[in-house]
N, C-alpha and C. Protein backbone atom coordinates (compact mmCIF):
# COMPACT_ATOMS: atom_id res chain seq x y z
N MET A 1 4.13 19.88 3.70
CA MET A 1 2.71 19.99 3.38
C MET A 1 2.45 19.55 1.94
N VAL A 2 1.43 18.70 1.74
CA VAL A 2 1.12 18.19 0.42
C VAL A 2 0.33 19.23 -0.36
N THR A 3 0.82 19.62 -1.54
CA THR A 3 0.09 20.55 -2.38
C THR A 3 -0.50 19.86 -3.60
N LYS A 4 0.05 18.70 -3.98
CA LYS A 4 -0.47 17.97 -5.12
C LYS A 4 -0.43 16.48 -4.82
N LEU A 5 -1.58 15.95 -4.37
CA LEU A 5 -1.71 14.53 -4.06
C LEU A 5 -2.36 13.85 -5.26
N VAL A 6 -1.67 12.87 -5.82
CA VAL A 6 -2.18 12.16 -6.99
C VAL A 6 -2.48 10.71 -6.62
N ILE A 7 -3.69 10.27 -6.93
CA ILE A 7 -4.07 8.86 -6.80
C ILE A 7 -3.83 8.21 -8.15
N VAL A 8 -2.98 7.20 -8.17
CA VAL A 8 -2.58 6.58 -9.44
C VAL A 8 -3.70 5.67 -9.94
N ASP A 9 -4.20 5.97 -11.13
CA ASP A 9 -5.28 5.20 -11.74
C ASP A 9 -4.70 4.33 -12.86
N TYR A 10 -4.60 3.04 -12.58
CA TYR A 10 -4.14 2.11 -13.61
C TYR A 10 -5.19 1.04 -13.90
N GLY A 11 -6.44 1.35 -13.50
CA GLY A 11 -7.56 0.49 -13.86
C GLY A 11 -7.84 -0.65 -12.91
N MET A 12 -7.11 -0.72 -11.78
CA MET A 12 -7.29 -1.86 -10.87
C MET A 12 -7.39 -1.41 -9.41
N GLY A 13 -7.63 -0.14 -9.19
CA GLY A 13 -7.66 0.36 -7.81
C GLY A 13 -9.07 0.47 -7.27
N ASN A 14 -9.18 0.43 -5.95
CA ASN A 14 -10.44 0.64 -5.26
C ASN A 14 -10.62 2.16 -5.07
N LEU A 15 -10.84 2.84 -6.20
CA LEU A 15 -10.73 4.29 -6.21
C LEU A 15 -11.88 4.99 -5.51
N HIS A 16 -13.09 4.44 -5.61
CA HIS A 16 -14.25 5.10 -5.01
C HIS A 16 -14.09 5.25 -3.51
N SER A 17 -13.66 4.18 -2.84
CA SER A 17 -13.50 4.23 -1.39
C SER A 17 -12.38 5.17 -0.98
N VAL A 18 -11.28 5.15 -1.73
CA VAL A 18 -10.15 6.03 -1.42
C VAL A 18 -10.55 7.50 -1.58
N LEU A 19 -11.21 7.81 -2.68
CA LEU A 19 -11.66 9.18 -2.91
C LEU A 19 -12.65 9.63 -1.84
N GLY A 20 -13.53 8.70 -1.42
CA GLY A 20 -14.49 9.03 -0.38
C GLY A 20 -13.82 9.36 0.94
N ALA A 21 -12.79 8.59 1.29
CA ALA A 21 -12.07 8.84 2.54
C ALA A 21 -11.35 10.18 2.49
N LEU A 22 -10.75 10.51 1.35
CA LEU A 22 -10.04 11.79 1.23
C LEU A 22 -11.01 12.96 1.26
N ARG A 23 -12.18 12.80 0.64
CA ARG A 23 -13.18 13.86 0.72
C ARG A 23 -13.63 14.07 2.16
N TYR A 24 -13.81 12.98 2.90
CA TYR A 24 -14.21 13.09 4.30
C TYR A 24 -13.16 13.87 5.09
N LEU A 25 -11.89 13.65 4.77
CA LEU A 25 -10.80 14.35 5.44
C LEU A 25 -10.57 15.75 4.88
N GLU A 26 -11.36 16.12 3.87
CA GLU A 26 -11.25 17.43 3.21
C GLU A 26 -9.87 17.64 2.61
N VAL A 27 -9.37 16.58 1.97
CA VAL A 27 -8.07 16.61 1.30
C VAL A 27 -8.29 16.68 -0.21
N GLU A 28 -7.69 17.65 -0.85
CA GLU A 28 -7.77 17.76 -2.30
C GLU A 28 -6.82 16.76 -2.95
N SER A 29 -7.33 16.06 -3.95
CA SER A 29 -6.52 15.06 -4.64
C SER A 29 -6.89 15.03 -6.11
N GLU A 30 -6.02 14.43 -6.90
CA GLU A 30 -6.24 14.30 -8.34
C GLU A 30 -6.09 12.83 -8.72
N LEU A 31 -7.08 12.31 -9.43
CA LEU A 31 -7.03 10.94 -9.93
C LEU A 31 -6.45 10.98 -11.33
N SER A 32 -5.34 10.25 -11.55
CA SER A 32 -4.69 10.35 -12.86
C SER A 32 -3.94 9.07 -13.22
N GLY A 33 -4.00 8.75 -14.51
CA GLY A 33 -3.18 7.68 -15.06
C GLY A 33 -2.13 8.22 -16.01
N ASP A 34 -1.99 9.53 -16.06
CA ASP A 34 -1.02 10.17 -16.95
C ASP A 34 0.37 10.13 -16.34
N PRO A 35 1.34 9.52 -17.00
CA PRO A 35 2.69 9.41 -16.42
C PRO A 35 3.31 10.75 -16.05
N LYS A 36 3.08 11.80 -16.84
CA LYS A 36 3.65 13.11 -16.51
C LYS A 36 3.08 13.65 -15.21
N THR A 37 1.78 13.47 -15.01
CA THR A 37 1.15 13.93 -13.78
C THR A 37 1.67 13.14 -12.59
N VAL A 38 1.80 11.83 -12.75
CA VAL A 38 2.33 10.98 -11.68
C VAL A 38 3.75 11.39 -11.32
N ALA A 39 4.58 11.60 -12.32
CA ALA A 39 5.99 11.92 -12.07
C ALA A 39 6.16 13.24 -11.34
N GLN A 40 5.23 14.19 -11.54
CA GLN A 40 5.36 15.52 -10.95
C GLN A 40 4.57 15.70 -9.66
N ALA A 41 3.98 14.63 -9.14
CA ALA A 41 3.18 14.72 -7.92
C ALA A 41 4.05 15.06 -6.71
N ASP A 42 3.44 15.73 -5.73
CA ASP A 42 4.11 15.98 -4.45
C ASP A 42 3.98 14.78 -3.53
N ALA A 43 2.87 14.03 -3.66
CA ALA A 43 2.64 12.81 -2.89
C ALA A 43 1.74 11.92 -3.72
N LEU A 44 1.85 10.60 -3.47
CA LEU A 44 1.14 9.62 -4.29
C LEU A 44 0.43 8.60 -3.43
N LEU A 45 -0.75 8.20 -3.89
CA LEU A 45 -1.43 7.02 -3.35
C LEU A 45 -1.50 5.99 -4.46
N LEU A 46 -1.07 4.75 -4.15
CA LEU A 46 -1.12 3.66 -5.11
C LEU A 46 -2.03 2.57 -4.56
N PRO A 47 -3.34 2.65 -4.83
CA PRO A 47 -4.26 1.61 -4.37
C PRO A 47 -4.23 0.43 -5.33
N GLY A 48 -5.00 -0.60 -5.05
CA GLY A 48 -5.05 -1.71 -5.98
C GLY A 48 -5.80 -2.91 -5.46
N VAL A 49 -6.48 -3.58 -6.39
CA VAL A 49 -7.17 -4.84 -6.11
C VAL A 49 -7.00 -5.70 -7.35
N GLY A 50 -6.52 -6.95 -7.18
CA GLY A 50 -6.41 -7.83 -8.33
C GLY A 50 -5.04 -8.48 -8.45
N SER A 51 -4.66 -8.80 -9.67
CA SER A 51 -3.47 -9.59 -9.97
C SER A 51 -2.20 -8.74 -10.01
N PHE A 52 -1.18 -9.18 -9.27
CA PHE A 52 0.13 -8.53 -9.29
C PHE A 52 0.67 -8.49 -10.71
N TYR A 53 0.64 -9.63 -11.39
CA TYR A 53 1.22 -9.71 -12.74
C TYR A 53 0.52 -8.74 -13.69
N GLN A 54 -0.81 -8.78 -13.71
CA GLN A 54 -1.55 -7.90 -14.60
C GLN A 54 -1.32 -6.43 -14.28
N ALA A 55 -1.28 -6.11 -12.98
CA ALA A 55 -1.06 -4.72 -12.58
C ALA A 55 0.30 -4.22 -13.03
N MET A 56 1.35 -5.02 -12.83
CA MET A 56 2.68 -4.60 -13.24
C MET A 56 2.80 -4.48 -14.75
N GLU A 57 2.16 -5.39 -15.48
CA GLU A 57 2.17 -5.28 -16.94
C GLU A 57 1.54 -3.96 -17.38
N THR A 58 0.43 -3.59 -16.74
CA THR A 58 -0.24 -2.34 -17.08
C THR A 58 0.61 -1.14 -16.73
N LEU A 59 1.20 -1.15 -15.53
CA LEU A 59 2.05 -0.03 -15.11
C LEU A 59 3.25 0.13 -16.02
N GLU A 60 3.87 -0.97 -16.42
CA GLU A 60 5.06 -0.90 -17.27
C GLU A 60 4.71 -0.42 -18.68
N THR A 61 3.68 -0.99 -19.29
CA THR A 61 3.36 -0.65 -20.68
C THR A 61 2.80 0.77 -20.81
N SER A 62 2.15 1.26 -19.76
CA SER A 62 1.57 2.61 -19.80
C SER A 62 2.58 3.71 -19.52
N GLY A 63 3.76 3.34 -19.01
CA GLY A 63 4.75 4.33 -18.62
C GLY A 63 4.60 4.81 -17.18
N GLN A 64 3.57 4.31 -16.50
CA GLN A 64 3.34 4.73 -15.12
C GLN A 64 4.41 4.21 -14.17
N ALA A 65 4.94 3.02 -14.44
CA ALA A 65 5.97 2.46 -13.57
C ALA A 65 7.21 3.36 -13.57
N ASP A 66 7.65 3.77 -14.75
CA ASP A 66 8.81 4.67 -14.82
C ASP A 66 8.50 6.01 -14.16
N ALA A 67 7.27 6.49 -14.31
CA ALA A 67 6.88 7.75 -13.69
C ALA A 67 6.90 7.63 -12.16
N LEU A 68 6.43 6.51 -11.65
CA LEU A 68 6.47 6.26 -10.21
C LEU A 68 7.91 6.21 -9.71
N ARG A 69 8.77 5.54 -10.44
CA ARG A 69 10.18 5.46 -10.04
C ARG A 69 10.83 6.84 -10.06
N GLU A 70 10.49 7.65 -11.05
CA GLU A 70 11.04 9.01 -11.11
C GLU A 70 10.60 9.82 -9.90
N ALA A 71 9.30 9.74 -9.57
CA ALA A 71 8.77 10.53 -8.46
C ALA A 71 9.32 10.06 -7.12
N VAL A 72 9.33 8.74 -6.90
CA VAL A 72 9.68 8.19 -5.58
C VAL A 72 11.18 8.07 -5.39
N LEU A 73 11.87 7.49 -6.36
CA LEU A 73 13.31 7.27 -6.24
C LEU A 73 14.11 8.48 -6.70
N GLY A 74 13.65 9.11 -7.77
CA GLY A 74 14.40 10.24 -8.32
C GLY A 74 14.15 11.55 -7.59
N ARG A 75 12.88 11.84 -7.26
CA ARG A 75 12.53 13.12 -6.66
C ARG A 75 12.23 13.01 -5.17
N GLY A 76 12.22 11.81 -4.62
CA GLY A 76 12.01 11.63 -3.19
C GLY A 76 10.62 11.93 -2.71
N ARG A 77 9.62 11.82 -3.60
CA ARG A 77 8.24 12.11 -3.20
C ARG A 77 7.68 10.93 -2.40
N LYS A 78 6.84 11.24 -1.44
CA LYS A 78 6.30 10.18 -0.59
C LYS A 78 5.15 9.46 -1.30
N ILE A 79 5.02 8.18 -0.98
CA ILE A 79 4.00 7.34 -1.59
C ILE A 79 3.42 6.42 -0.53
N LEU A 80 2.13 6.18 -0.63
CA LEU A 80 1.45 5.18 0.21
C LEU A 80 0.83 4.14 -0.70
N GLY A 81 1.31 2.91 -0.62
CA GLY A 81 0.72 1.80 -1.34
C GLY A 81 -0.31 1.10 -0.46
N ILE A 82 -1.46 0.78 -1.03
CA ILE A 82 -2.56 0.17 -0.29
C ILE A 82 -2.91 -1.17 -0.91
N CYS A 83 -2.91 -2.23 -0.10
CA CYS A 83 -3.28 -3.59 -0.50
C CYS A 83 -2.39 -4.05 -1.66
N LEU A 84 -2.95 -4.24 -2.85
CA LEU A 84 -2.12 -4.61 -4.00
C LEU A 84 -1.04 -3.56 -4.23
N GLY A 85 -1.35 -2.30 -3.91
CA GLY A 85 -0.35 -1.24 -4.06
C GLY A 85 0.89 -1.49 -3.23
N GLN A 86 0.73 -2.01 -2.00
CA GLN A 86 1.89 -2.39 -1.20
C GLN A 86 2.67 -3.49 -1.89
N GLN A 87 1.97 -4.50 -2.38
CA GLN A 87 2.63 -5.63 -3.01
C GLN A 87 3.41 -5.22 -4.25
N LEU A 88 2.84 -4.31 -5.04
CA LEU A 88 3.50 -3.85 -6.26
C LEU A 88 4.80 -3.13 -5.98
N MET A 89 4.95 -2.57 -4.78
CA MET A 89 6.17 -1.85 -4.45
C MET A 89 7.29 -2.77 -4.00
N ALA A 90 7.01 -4.07 -3.87
CA ALA A 90 8.03 -5.04 -3.51
C ALA A 90 8.93 -5.35 -4.70
N GLU A 91 9.94 -6.19 -4.45
CA GLU A 91 10.88 -6.53 -5.53
C GLU A 91 10.30 -7.54 -6.51
N HIS A 92 9.43 -8.43 -6.02
CA HIS A 92 8.92 -9.50 -6.87
C HIS A 92 7.61 -10.03 -6.32
N GLY A 93 6.72 -10.46 -7.22
CA GLY A 93 5.48 -11.12 -6.83
C GLY A 93 5.32 -12.44 -7.54
N ASP A 94 4.86 -13.47 -6.82
CA ASP A 94 4.76 -14.83 -7.38
C ASP A 94 3.49 -15.08 -8.19
N GLU A 95 2.50 -14.21 -8.06
CA GLU A 95 1.19 -14.49 -8.64
C GLU A 95 1.25 -14.61 -10.17
N ASP A 96 0.51 -15.60 -10.71
CA ASP A 96 0.39 -15.82 -12.16
C ASP A 96 1.74 -16.02 -12.84
N GLY A 97 2.63 -16.73 -12.19
CA GLY A 97 3.92 -17.05 -12.79
C GLY A 97 5.05 -16.13 -12.40
N GLY A 98 4.73 -15.04 -11.73
CA GLY A 98 5.78 -14.16 -11.21
C GLY A 98 6.08 -12.97 -12.10
N HIS A 99 6.46 -11.87 -11.45
CA HIS A 99 6.80 -10.65 -12.16
C HIS A 99 7.61 -9.76 -11.23
N ALA A 100 8.57 -9.02 -11.78
CA ALA A 100 9.29 -8.03 -10.99
C ALA A 100 8.36 -6.91 -10.59
N GLY A 101 8.54 -6.40 -9.36
CA GLY A 101 7.75 -5.27 -8.88
C GLY A 101 8.47 -3.96 -9.09
N LEU A 102 7.96 -2.91 -8.45
CA LEU A 102 8.56 -1.59 -8.60
C LEU A 102 9.89 -1.47 -7.87
N GLY A 103 10.11 -2.30 -6.85
CA GLY A 103 11.39 -2.33 -6.16
C GLY A 103 11.59 -1.23 -5.13
N PHE A 104 10.48 -0.67 -4.61
CA PHE A 104 10.60 0.38 -3.60
C PHE A 104 10.86 -0.17 -2.20
N LEU A 105 10.51 -1.43 -1.99
CA LEU A 105 10.77 -2.05 -0.70
C LEU A 105 11.23 -3.49 -0.93
N PRO A 106 12.09 -3.99 -0.04
CA PRO A 106 12.68 -5.31 -0.27
C PRO A 106 11.71 -6.44 0.03
N GLY A 107 11.91 -7.57 -0.64
CA GLY A 107 11.13 -8.75 -0.33
C GLY A 107 10.26 -9.22 -1.48
N SER A 108 9.65 -10.39 -1.27
CA SER A 108 8.80 -11.02 -2.27
C SER A 108 7.38 -11.19 -1.75
N VAL A 109 6.45 -11.21 -2.68
CA VAL A 109 5.03 -11.39 -2.36
C VAL A 109 4.64 -12.82 -2.73
N THR A 110 4.15 -13.57 -1.74
CA THR A 110 3.78 -14.97 -1.93
C THR A 110 2.35 -15.20 -1.45
N ARG A 111 1.78 -16.32 -1.85
CA ARG A 111 0.38 -16.62 -1.50
C ARG A 111 0.25 -16.97 -0.02
N LEU A 112 -0.83 -16.52 0.60
CA LEU A 112 -1.14 -16.95 1.96
C LEU A 112 -1.29 -18.46 2.01
N SER A 113 -0.81 -19.07 3.08
CA SER A 113 -0.79 -20.53 3.15
C SER A 113 -2.16 -21.14 3.41
N GLY A 114 -3.01 -20.42 4.11
CA GLY A 114 -4.29 -21.00 4.51
C GLY A 114 -4.14 -22.13 5.50
N SER A 115 -3.03 -22.13 6.23
CA SER A 115 -2.78 -23.21 7.19
C SER A 115 -3.81 -23.18 8.32
N GLY A 116 -4.05 -24.35 8.89
CA GLY A 116 -5.01 -24.45 9.98
C GLY A 116 -6.44 -24.31 9.53
N GLY A 117 -6.70 -24.52 8.25
CA GLY A 117 -8.05 -24.43 7.74
C GLY A 117 -8.56 -23.02 7.49
N LEU A 118 -7.67 -22.02 7.56
CA LEU A 118 -8.08 -20.65 7.32
C LEU A 118 -8.43 -20.44 5.83
N LYS A 119 -9.46 -19.67 5.60
CA LYS A 119 -9.89 -19.42 4.23
C LYS A 119 -8.99 -18.38 3.56
N VAL A 120 -8.75 -18.61 2.29
CA VAL A 120 -8.03 -17.64 1.45
C VAL A 120 -8.95 -17.28 0.29
N PRO A 121 -9.25 -16.00 0.08
CA PRO A 121 -8.59 -14.83 0.63
C PRO A 121 -8.91 -14.54 2.10
N HIS A 122 -8.03 -13.77 2.70
CA HIS A 122 -8.19 -13.25 4.05
C HIS A 122 -9.07 -12.01 3.94
N VAL A 123 -10.29 -12.08 4.50
CA VAL A 123 -11.25 -11.00 4.37
C VAL A 123 -11.78 -10.61 5.74
N GLY A 124 -11.75 -9.31 6.05
CA GLY A 124 -12.35 -8.82 7.27
C GLY A 124 -11.35 -8.09 8.16
N PHE A 125 -11.82 -7.71 9.33
CA PHE A 125 -10.96 -7.01 10.29
C PHE A 125 -10.03 -7.98 11.00
N ASN A 126 -8.80 -7.56 11.17
CA ASN A 126 -7.81 -8.34 11.91
C ASN A 126 -6.89 -7.37 12.64
N THR A 127 -6.15 -7.91 13.60
CA THR A 127 -5.33 -7.08 14.48
C THR A 127 -3.95 -6.83 13.89
N VAL A 128 -3.54 -5.58 13.91
CA VAL A 128 -2.20 -5.18 13.46
C VAL A 128 -1.39 -4.77 14.67
N ARG A 129 -0.24 -5.41 14.84
CA ARG A 129 0.71 -5.05 15.89
C ARG A 129 1.77 -4.14 15.27
N PHE A 130 1.99 -2.98 15.83
CA PHE A 130 2.87 -2.01 15.19
C PHE A 130 3.97 -1.53 16.13
N GLU A 131 5.01 -1.00 15.51
CA GLU A 131 6.14 -0.46 16.26
C GLU A 131 5.78 0.93 16.80
N PRO A 132 6.13 1.22 18.05
CA PRO A 132 5.72 2.50 18.65
C PRO A 132 6.31 3.72 17.97
N GLN A 133 7.43 3.58 17.26
CA GLN A 133 8.05 4.73 16.59
C GLN A 133 7.45 5.00 15.21
N SER A 134 6.49 4.20 14.80
CA SER A 134 5.90 4.35 13.47
C SER A 134 5.25 5.70 13.28
N ARG A 135 5.51 6.31 12.12
CA ARG A 135 4.86 7.58 11.78
C ARG A 135 3.42 7.36 11.32
N LEU A 136 3.16 6.25 10.64
CA LEU A 136 1.79 5.96 10.21
C LEU A 136 0.86 5.76 11.40
N PHE A 137 1.37 5.15 12.46
CA PHE A 137 0.54 4.82 13.61
C PHE A 137 0.72 5.81 14.77
N ALA A 138 1.21 6.99 14.48
CA ALA A 138 1.39 8.00 15.52
C ALA A 138 0.06 8.29 16.21
N GLY A 139 0.06 8.25 17.53
CA GLY A 139 -1.14 8.53 18.30
C GLY A 139 -2.05 7.36 18.53
N PHE A 140 -1.68 6.18 18.01
CA PHE A 140 -2.49 4.98 18.21
C PHE A 140 -2.09 4.26 19.49
N SER A 141 -3.03 3.48 20.01
CA SER A 141 -2.73 2.53 21.07
C SER A 141 -2.68 1.14 20.44
N THR A 142 -1.79 0.31 20.92
CA THR A 142 -1.64 -1.02 20.32
C THR A 142 -2.54 -2.02 21.02
N PRO A 143 -3.08 -3.00 20.33
CA PRO A 143 -3.07 -3.22 18.88
C PRO A 143 -4.20 -2.46 18.20
N VAL A 144 -4.22 -2.54 16.84
CA VAL A 144 -5.19 -1.80 16.05
C VAL A 144 -5.91 -2.77 15.11
N ASP A 145 -7.22 -2.67 15.02
CA ASP A 145 -7.98 -3.50 14.09
C ASP A 145 -8.13 -2.78 12.76
N CYS A 146 -7.79 -3.49 11.66
CA CYS A 146 -7.85 -2.92 10.32
C CYS A 146 -8.49 -3.93 9.37
N TYR A 147 -8.95 -3.44 8.22
CA TYR A 147 -9.72 -4.26 7.29
C TYR A 147 -8.84 -4.77 6.15
N PHE A 148 -8.88 -6.09 5.94
CA PHE A 148 -8.06 -6.76 4.92
C PHE A 148 -8.93 -7.46 3.88
N VAL A 149 -8.44 -7.49 2.64
CA VAL A 149 -8.97 -8.34 1.57
C VAL A 149 -7.80 -8.71 0.68
N HIS A 150 -7.25 -9.92 0.86
CA HIS A 150 -6.09 -10.30 0.04
C HIS A 150 -5.83 -11.80 0.11
N SER A 151 -5.17 -12.30 -0.93
CA SER A 151 -4.75 -13.70 -1.01
C SER A 151 -3.24 -13.85 -0.98
N TYR A 152 -2.54 -12.75 -1.20
CA TYR A 152 -1.07 -12.76 -1.20
C TYR A 152 -0.56 -11.82 -0.13
N ARG A 153 0.68 -12.05 0.28
CA ARG A 153 1.25 -11.26 1.37
C ARG A 153 2.73 -11.00 1.12
N LEU A 154 3.23 -9.92 1.71
CA LEU A 154 4.67 -9.64 1.70
C LEU A 154 5.30 -10.38 2.87
N GLU A 155 6.31 -11.18 2.57
CA GLU A 155 6.92 -12.02 3.60
C GLU A 155 7.61 -11.15 4.66
N PRO A 156 7.43 -11.51 5.93
CA PRO A 156 7.95 -10.67 7.04
C PRO A 156 9.41 -10.93 7.35
N GLU A 157 10.27 -10.68 6.39
CA GLU A 157 11.70 -10.85 6.63
C GLU A 157 12.19 -9.72 7.53
N ASP A 158 13.33 -9.92 8.15
CA ASP A 158 13.92 -8.89 9.00
C ASP A 158 14.47 -7.79 8.10
N ARG A 159 13.79 -6.66 8.05
CA ARG A 159 14.18 -5.59 7.14
C ARG A 159 13.88 -4.24 7.78
N PRO A 160 14.67 -3.21 7.48
CA PRO A 160 14.30 -1.87 7.93
C PRO A 160 12.99 -1.46 7.28
N GLY A 161 12.13 -0.82 8.03
CA GLY A 161 10.86 -0.37 7.48
C GLY A 161 9.67 -1.19 7.88
N LEU A 162 9.89 -2.35 8.46
CA LEU A 162 8.77 -3.20 8.90
C LEU A 162 8.21 -2.62 10.19
N VAL A 163 7.01 -2.02 10.12
CA VAL A 163 6.43 -1.37 11.30
C VAL A 163 5.13 -1.99 11.75
N GLY A 164 4.54 -2.90 10.94
CA GLY A 164 3.29 -3.51 11.34
C GLY A 164 3.19 -4.95 10.88
N LEU A 165 2.75 -5.83 11.78
CA LEU A 165 2.57 -7.25 11.47
C LEU A 165 1.14 -7.67 11.75
N CYS A 166 0.66 -8.63 10.97
CA CYS A 166 -0.63 -9.26 11.21
C CYS A 166 -0.45 -10.76 11.10
N ASP A 167 -1.23 -11.51 11.86
CA ASP A 167 -1.13 -12.97 11.87
C ASP A 167 -2.37 -13.57 11.23
N TYR A 168 -2.16 -14.32 10.14
CA TYR A 168 -3.24 -15.08 9.52
C TYR A 168 -2.62 -16.36 8.98
N GLY A 169 -2.54 -17.37 9.86
CA GLY A 169 -1.81 -18.59 9.51
C GLY A 169 -0.32 -18.35 9.44
N GLY A 170 0.16 -17.35 10.14
CA GLY A 170 1.55 -16.91 10.12
C GLY A 170 1.62 -15.42 9.92
N ASN A 171 2.71 -14.81 10.37
CA ASN A 171 2.85 -13.36 10.27
C ASN A 171 3.10 -12.92 8.83
N PHE A 172 2.56 -11.75 8.49
CA PHE A 172 2.89 -11.11 7.22
C PHE A 172 3.00 -9.61 7.47
N VAL A 173 3.60 -8.90 6.51
CA VAL A 173 3.80 -7.46 6.65
C VAL A 173 2.46 -6.75 6.45
N ALA A 174 2.00 -6.09 7.50
CA ALA A 174 0.75 -5.33 7.43
C ALA A 174 1.02 -3.86 7.15
N ALA A 175 2.20 -3.36 7.54
CA ALA A 175 2.53 -1.96 7.32
C ALA A 175 4.05 -1.79 7.20
N TYR A 176 4.44 -0.88 6.34
CA TYR A 176 5.86 -0.64 6.04
C TYR A 176 6.08 0.86 5.91
N GLU A 177 7.20 1.34 6.41
CA GLU A 177 7.58 2.74 6.17
C GLU A 177 9.09 2.87 6.27
N HIS A 178 9.67 3.48 5.28
CA HIS A 178 11.11 3.73 5.26
C HIS A 178 11.35 4.95 4.40
N GLU A 179 11.87 6.01 5.04
CA GLU A 179 12.10 7.28 4.35
C GLU A 179 10.79 7.77 3.73
N ASN A 180 10.69 7.85 2.41
CA ASN A 180 9.49 8.38 1.77
C ASN A 180 8.52 7.31 1.28
N VAL A 181 8.80 6.04 1.60
CA VAL A 181 7.98 4.92 1.12
C VAL A 181 7.13 4.37 2.27
N PHE A 182 5.81 4.38 2.08
CA PHE A 182 4.86 3.89 3.07
C PHE A 182 3.93 2.89 2.39
N ALA A 183 3.46 1.90 3.16
CA ALA A 183 2.57 0.91 2.57
C ALA A 183 1.78 0.20 3.65
N THR A 184 0.55 -0.20 3.28
CA THR A 184 -0.28 -1.03 4.17
C THR A 184 -0.92 -2.15 3.35
N GLN A 185 -0.90 -3.35 3.90
CA GLN A 185 -1.62 -4.44 3.26
C GLN A 185 -3.13 -4.30 3.48
N PHE A 186 -3.51 -3.71 4.58
CA PHE A 186 -4.93 -3.47 4.85
C PHE A 186 -5.40 -2.23 4.10
N HIS A 187 -6.71 -2.04 4.08
CA HIS A 187 -7.33 -0.89 3.44
C HIS A 187 -7.65 0.17 4.48
N PRO A 188 -6.86 1.23 4.59
CA PRO A 188 -7.18 2.27 5.56
C PRO A 188 -8.52 2.94 5.26
N GLU A 189 -8.86 3.05 3.97
CA GLU A 189 -10.11 3.71 3.60
C GLU A 189 -11.34 2.91 4.00
N LYS A 190 -11.15 1.64 4.38
CA LYS A 190 -12.25 0.79 4.85
C LYS A 190 -12.10 0.40 6.32
N SER A 191 -11.12 1.00 6.98
CA SER A 191 -10.82 0.64 8.37
C SER A 191 -11.38 1.64 9.38
N GLN A 192 -12.41 2.34 8.97
CA GLN A 192 -13.15 3.24 9.85
C GLN A 192 -12.24 4.31 10.47
N THR A 193 -12.45 4.61 11.73
CA THR A 193 -11.71 5.70 12.37
C THR A 193 -10.20 5.46 12.35
N ASN A 194 -9.79 4.22 12.58
CA ASN A 194 -8.36 3.91 12.56
C ASN A 194 -7.74 4.22 11.20
N GLY A 195 -8.43 3.86 10.14
CA GLY A 195 -7.90 4.10 8.81
C GLY A 195 -7.83 5.57 8.44
N LEU A 196 -8.84 6.32 8.83
CA LEU A 196 -8.83 7.75 8.56
C LEU A 196 -7.69 8.44 9.28
N ARG A 197 -7.43 8.01 10.52
CA ARG A 197 -6.32 8.60 11.27
C ARG A 197 -5.00 8.26 10.60
N LEU A 198 -4.85 7.03 10.13
CA LEU A 198 -3.62 6.64 9.46
C LEU A 198 -3.40 7.45 8.19
N LEU A 199 -4.45 7.65 7.40
CA LEU A 199 -4.32 8.47 6.20
C LEU A 199 -3.91 9.89 6.55
N SER A 200 -4.48 10.43 7.62
CA SER A 200 -4.10 11.77 8.07
C SER A 200 -2.64 11.82 8.48
N ASN A 201 -2.18 10.76 9.14
CA ASN A 201 -0.76 10.71 9.56
C ASN A 201 0.16 10.69 8.34
N PHE A 202 -0.21 9.90 7.32
CA PHE A 202 0.61 9.86 6.10
C PHE A 202 0.68 11.25 5.46
N LEU A 203 -0.45 11.89 5.34
CA LEU A 203 -0.48 13.20 4.68
C LEU A 203 0.30 14.24 5.45
N ALA A 204 0.41 14.05 6.77
CA ALA A 204 1.09 15.03 7.62
C ALA A 204 2.60 14.81 7.70
N VAL A 205 3.09 13.68 7.21
CA VAL A 205 4.52 13.37 7.30
C VAL A 205 5.32 14.38 6.49
């Protein structure tokens, strides 16, 4: 049971929508950019919109990156990365010349190809195909429509933890979960009933 849920505030998150979804679910949470608060959280949400490079620079210089690593890798606290938050948890991102990520999940983040004349960024509802054993998607019927806004994606390599795929000019990782690390490329807080159920599933893990 989560007793202290912290939403990480590093100046680039879609915080209003996330807070609104949690209030609707009647979940108490704390918005904080303080590394000590982040490090001592029982559970974490890492939202984000914007540049991978800029976000990682901010997390590293503020001490939040080390606090996240302490909480997730050192103390085994669960975390849900949303959109840019999922990308930041990868090993590396190519945007703006490239930068190392937090390293919570394997793989690299690369730009969507826009093949077949598809527009980039990818904006709107799209179908997520998920693994039936997924804890995030417990109780769902396949497939599920979720809301996306992104120009970069986590490459869908064969890796433990890959539980959701979406196709936009090729497959990309839409959802990931392994041990205490959870992530979605889509925005659950903007995905209506499906997103609220997914957030409830994460909190109940």
